[in-house]
C-alpha cells in the first residue's frame, strides 16, 4: 500500500474514532501540498468537557492501535485535557475544548490549505 493510501486510511480511522465518542466540529486540513508543512494532515475536533476530550483521545489511541497497529509518536496535553495533540507522523490530531480551539484558531493559520468540515454524526 502506498504511503498516501496509508495516510488516508489513518485519517478515516481517526475521524471514525472521534465520531464514535461524539466529537464535534471535526475538521481536516490537507497540508500535503504545502511546502514546509510538518505533516500531511491536521485533524481538529472538539469535546464539550475535559472528560470528553480525554475520552476522544483514548478512542483515537485505542481504535488506531487495534485496527491499524499504529501508536502515536507522541502525545501532549493528556493531563490537563484542554488541548490534546497526538502525532502520528503524517497526521497530527488536535482535540480541544471549544474555548481553546477558538483561541488558537489553527484553521486560520493554515487557511491556504484545503480545509474540510466533517458533519457531526448526532
C-alpha atoms as a PDB file:
ATOM      1  CA  UNK A   1       0.000   0.000   0.000  1.00  0.00           C
ATOM      2  CA  UNK A   2       1.324   3.450  -0.873  1.00  0.00           C
ATOM      3  CA  UNK A   3       2.200   5.954   1.833  1.00  0.00           C
ATOM      4  CA  UNK A   4      -0.592   8.244   0.591  1.00  0.00           C
ATOM      5  CA  UNK A   5      -3.206   5.460   0.871  1.00  0.00           C
ATOM      6  CA  UNK A   6      -1.931   4.561   4.355  1.00  0.00           C
ATOM      7  CA  UNK A   7      -2.298   8.203   5.383  1.00  0.00           C
ATOM      8  CA  UNK A   8      -5.892   8.394   4.057  1.00  0.00           C
ATOM      9  CA  UNK A   9      -6.731   5.150   5.893  1.00  0.00           C
ATOM     10  CA  UNK A  10      -5.298   6.660   9.090  1.00  0.00           C
ATOM     11  CA  UNK A  11      -7.273   9.901   8.610  1.00  0.00           C
ATOM     12  CA  UNK A  12     -10.510   7.955   8.122  1.00  0.00           C
ATOM     13  CA  UNK A  13      -9.867   5.736  11.161  1.00  0.00           C
ATOM     14  CA  UNK A  14      -9.192   8.795  13.339  1.00  0.00           C
ATOM     15  CA  UNK A  15     -12.378  10.501  12.145  1.00  0.00           C
ATOM     16  CA  UNK A  16     -14.365   7.319  12.829  1.00  0.00           C
ATOM     17  CA  UNK A  17     -12.957   7.079  16.360  1.00  0.00           C
ATOM     18  CA  UNK A  18     -13.773  10.743  17.073  1.00  0.00           C
ATOM     19  CA  UNK A  19     -17.323  10.262  15.801  1.00  0.00           C
ATOM     20  CA  UNK A  20     -17.714   7.162  17.999  1.00  0.00           C
ATOM     21  CA  UNK A  21     -17.293   9.358  21.086  1.00  0.00           C
ATOM     22  CA  UNK A  22     -19.458  12.184  19.726  1.00  0.00           C
ATOM     23  CA  UNK A  23     -16.606  14.540  18.904  1.00  0.00           C
ATOM     24  CA  UNK A  24     -17.966  17.563  17.092  1.00  0.00           C
ATOM     25  CA  UNK A  25     -16.831  20.234  14.674  1.00  0.00           C
ATOM     26  CA  UNK A  26     -14.357  17.784  13.149  1.00  0.00           C
ATOM     27  CA  UNK A  27     -12.182  19.424  10.521  1.00  0.00           C
ATOM     28  CA  UNK A  28      -9.433  18.038   8.312  1.00  0.00           C
ATOM     29  CA  UNK A  29      -6.693  20.256   6.949  1.00  0.00           C
ATOM     30  CA  UNK A  30      -4.791  18.812   3.988  1.00  0.00           C
ATOM     31  CA  UNK A  31      -1.258  20.146   4.279  1.00  0.00           C
ATOM     32  CA  UNK A  32       0.272  17.701   1.806  1.00  0.00           C
ATOM     33  CA  UNK A  33       0.509  20.277  -0.985  1.00  0.00           C
ATOM     34  CA  UNK A  34       2.198  22.954   1.115  1.00  0.00           C
ATOM     35  CA  UNK A  35       5.962  23.372   1.171  1.00  0.00           C
ATOM     36  CA  UNK A  36       7.489  23.006   4.606  1.00  0.00           C
ATOM     37  CA  UNK A  37       4.428  21.534   6.292  1.00  0.00           C
ATOM     38  CA  UNK A  38       5.113  19.395   9.349  1.00  0.00           C
ATOM     39  CA  UNK A  39       2.711  16.613   8.330  1.00  0.00           C
ATOM     40  CA  UNK A  40       0.222  15.688   5.604  1.00  0.00           C
ATOM     41  CA  UNK A  41      -2.955  16.299   7.638  1.00  0.00           C
ATOM     42  CA  UNK A  42      -4.225  18.010  10.738  1.00  0.00           C
ATOM     43  CA  UNK A  43      -7.446  16.661  12.200  1.00  0.00           C
ATOM     44  CA  UNK A  44      -9.131  19.056  14.619  1.00  0.00           C
ATOM     45  CA  UNK A  45     -12.021  18.189  16.904  1.00  0.00           C
ATOM     46  CA  UNK A  46     -13.854  19.493  19.979  1.00  0.00           C
ATOM     47  CA  UNK A  47     -15.126  17.902  23.141  1.00  0.00           C
ATOM     48  CA  UNK A  48     -17.567  19.635  25.487  1.00  0.00           C
ATOM     49  CA  UNK A  49     -15.564  18.944  28.661  1.00  0.00           C
ATOM     50  CA  UNK A  50     -12.091  17.822  29.671  1.00  0.00           C
ATOM     51  CA  UNK A  51     -13.608  14.392  30.354  1.00  0.00           C
ATOM     52  CA  UNK A  52     -14.877  14.176  26.778  1.00  0.00           C
ATOM     53  CA  UNK A  53     -11.567  15.498  25.394  1.00  0.00           C
ATOM     54  CA  UNK A  54      -9.815  12.648  27.247  1.00  0.00           C
ATOM     55  CA  UNK A  55     -12.367  10.114  26.009  1.00  0.00           C
ATOM     56  CA  UNK A  56     -11.883  11.299  22.415  1.00  0.00           C
ATOM     57  CA  UNK A  57      -8.119  10.935  22.752  1.00  0.00           C
ATOM     58  CA  UNK A  58      -8.491   7.460  24.279  1.00  0.00           C
ATOM     59  CA  UNK A  59     -10.810   6.449  21.443  1.00  0.00           C
ATOM     60  CA  UNK A  60      -8.301   7.557  18.791  1.00  0.00           C
ATOM     61  CA  UNK A  61      -5.440   5.814  20.598  1.00  0.00           C
ATOM     62  CA  UNK A  62      -7.358   2.544  21.036  1.00  0.00           C
ATOM     63  CA  UNK A  63      -9.007   2.316  17.610  1.00  0.00           C
ATOM     64  CA  UNK A  64      -5.888   3.244  15.627  1.00  0.00           C
ATOM     65  CA  UNK A  65      -3.786   0.895  17.742  1.00  0.00           C
ATOM     66  CA  UNK A  66      -6.267  -2.005  17.466  1.00  0.00           C
ATOM     67  CA  UNK A  67      -7.244  -1.606  13.805  1.00  0.00           C
ATOM     68  CA  UNK A  68      -4.073  -0.246  12.178  1.00  0.00           C
ATOM     69  CA  UNK A  69      -1.414  -1.328  14.695  1.00  0.00           C
ATOM     70  CA  UNK A  70      -0.103   2.237  14.988  1.00  0.00           C
ATOM     71  CA  UNK A  71       0.593   4.251  18.105  1.00  0.00           C
ATOM     72  CA  UNK A  72       1.299   7.974  18.186  1.00  0.00           C
ATOM     73  CA  UNK A  73       4.922   9.071  18.064  1.00  0.00           C
ATOM     74  CA  UNK A  74       3.999  11.448  20.865  1.00  0.00           C
ATOM     75  CA  UNK A  75       1.028  12.926  22.659  1.00  0.00           C
ATOM     76  CA  UNK A  76       0.804  16.017  24.843  1.00  0.00           C
ATOM     77  CA  UNK A  77      -1.876  17.643  26.955  1.00  0.00           C
ATOM     78  CA  UNK A  78      -3.338  14.395  28.310  1.00  0.00           C
ATOM     79  CA  UNK A  79      -3.218  15.508  31.942  1.00  0.00           C
ATOM     80  CA  UNK A  80      -4.983  18.863  31.526  1.00  0.00           C
ATOM     81  CA  UNK A  81      -7.226  17.644  28.671  1.00  0.00           C
ATOM     82  CA  UNK A  82      -7.904  21.155  27.343  1.00  0.00           C
ATOM     83  CA  UNK A  83      -5.911  20.623  24.139  1.00  0.00           C
ATOM     84  CA  UNK A  84      -4.539  17.191  23.382  1.00  0.00           C
ATOM     85  CA  UNK A  85      -2.212  16.792  20.400  1.00  0.00           C
ATOM     86  CA  UNK A  86      -1.395  13.327  19.073  1.00  0.00           C
ATOM     87  CA  UNK A  87       1.375  12.953  16.478  1.00  0.00           C
ATOM     88  CA  UNK A  88       1.070  10.022  14.082  1.00  0.00           C
ATOM     89  CA  UNK A  89       3.833  11.304  11.792  1.00  0.00           C
ATOM     90  CA  UNK A  90       1.799  12.014   8.676  1.00  0.00           C
ATOM     91  CA  UNK A  91      -1.256  13.061  10.720  1.00  0.00           C
ATOM     92  CA  UNK A  92      -1.492  15.252  13.815  1.00  0.00           C
ATOM     93  CA  UNK A  93      -4.736  15.129  15.795  1.00  0.00           C
ATOM     94  CA  UNK A  94      -5.799  18.158  17.851  1.00  0.00           C
ATOM     95  CA  UNK A  95      -8.633  17.671  20.345  1.00  0.00           C
ATOM     96  CA  UNK A  96      -9.768  20.887  22.012  1.00  0.00           C
ATOM     97  CA  UNK A  97     -12.194  22.341  24.470  1.00  0.00           C
ATOM     98  CA  UNK A  98     -14.208  24.879  22.404  1.00  0.00           C
ATOM     99  CA  UNK A  99     -12.664  27.984  24.027  1.00  0.00           C
ATOM    100  CA  UNK A 100      -9.125  26.656  23.459  1.00  0.00           C
ATOM    101  CA  UNK A 101      -9.876  25.878  19.820  1.00  0.00           C
ATOM    102  CA  UNK A 102     -11.265  29.356  19.293  1.00  0.00           C
ATOM    103  CA  UNK A 103      -8.242  30.945  20.972  1.00  0.00           C
ATOM    104  CA  UNK A 104      -5.604  29.066  18.928  1.00  0.00           C
ATOM    105  CA  UNK A 105      -7.643  29.076  15.689  1.00  0.00           C
ATOM    106  CA  UNK A 106      -5.462  26.572  13.820  1.00  0.00           C
ATOM    107  CA  UNK A 107      -7.725  26.641  10.777  1.00  0.00           C
ATOM    108  CA  UNK A 108      -6.866  30.312  10.249  1.00  0.00           C
ATOM    109  CA  UNK A 109      -3.129  29.603  10.479  1.00  0.00           C
ATOM    110  CA  UNK A 110      -3.433  27.116   7.613  1.00  0.00           C
ATOM    111  CA  UNK A 111      -6.045  28.991   5.570  1.00  0.00           C
ATOM    112  CA  UNK A 112      -4.112  28.331   2.334  1.00  0.00           C
ATOM    113  CA  UNK A 113      -4.575  24.553   2.783  1.00  0.00           C
ATOM    114  CA  UNK A 114      -7.624  22.519   1.789  1.00  0.00           C
ATOM    115  CA  UNK A 115      -9.979  22.525   4.785  1.00  0.00           C
ATOM    116  CA  UNK A 116     -12.942  20.151   5.055  1.00  0.00           C
ATOM    117  CA  UNK A 117     -15.622  20.069   7.724  1.00  0.00           C
ATOM    118  CA  UNK A 118     -16.910  16.626   8.644  1.00  0.00           C
ATOM    119  CA  UNK A 119     -20.635  16.618   9.544  1.00  0.00           C
ATOM    120  CA  UNK A 120     -21.482  15.735  13.148  1.00  0.00           C
ATOM    121  CA  UNK A 121     -22.945  12.241  13.442  1.00  0.00           C
ATOM    122  CA  UNK A 122     -25.540  13.025  16.101  1.00  0.00           C
END
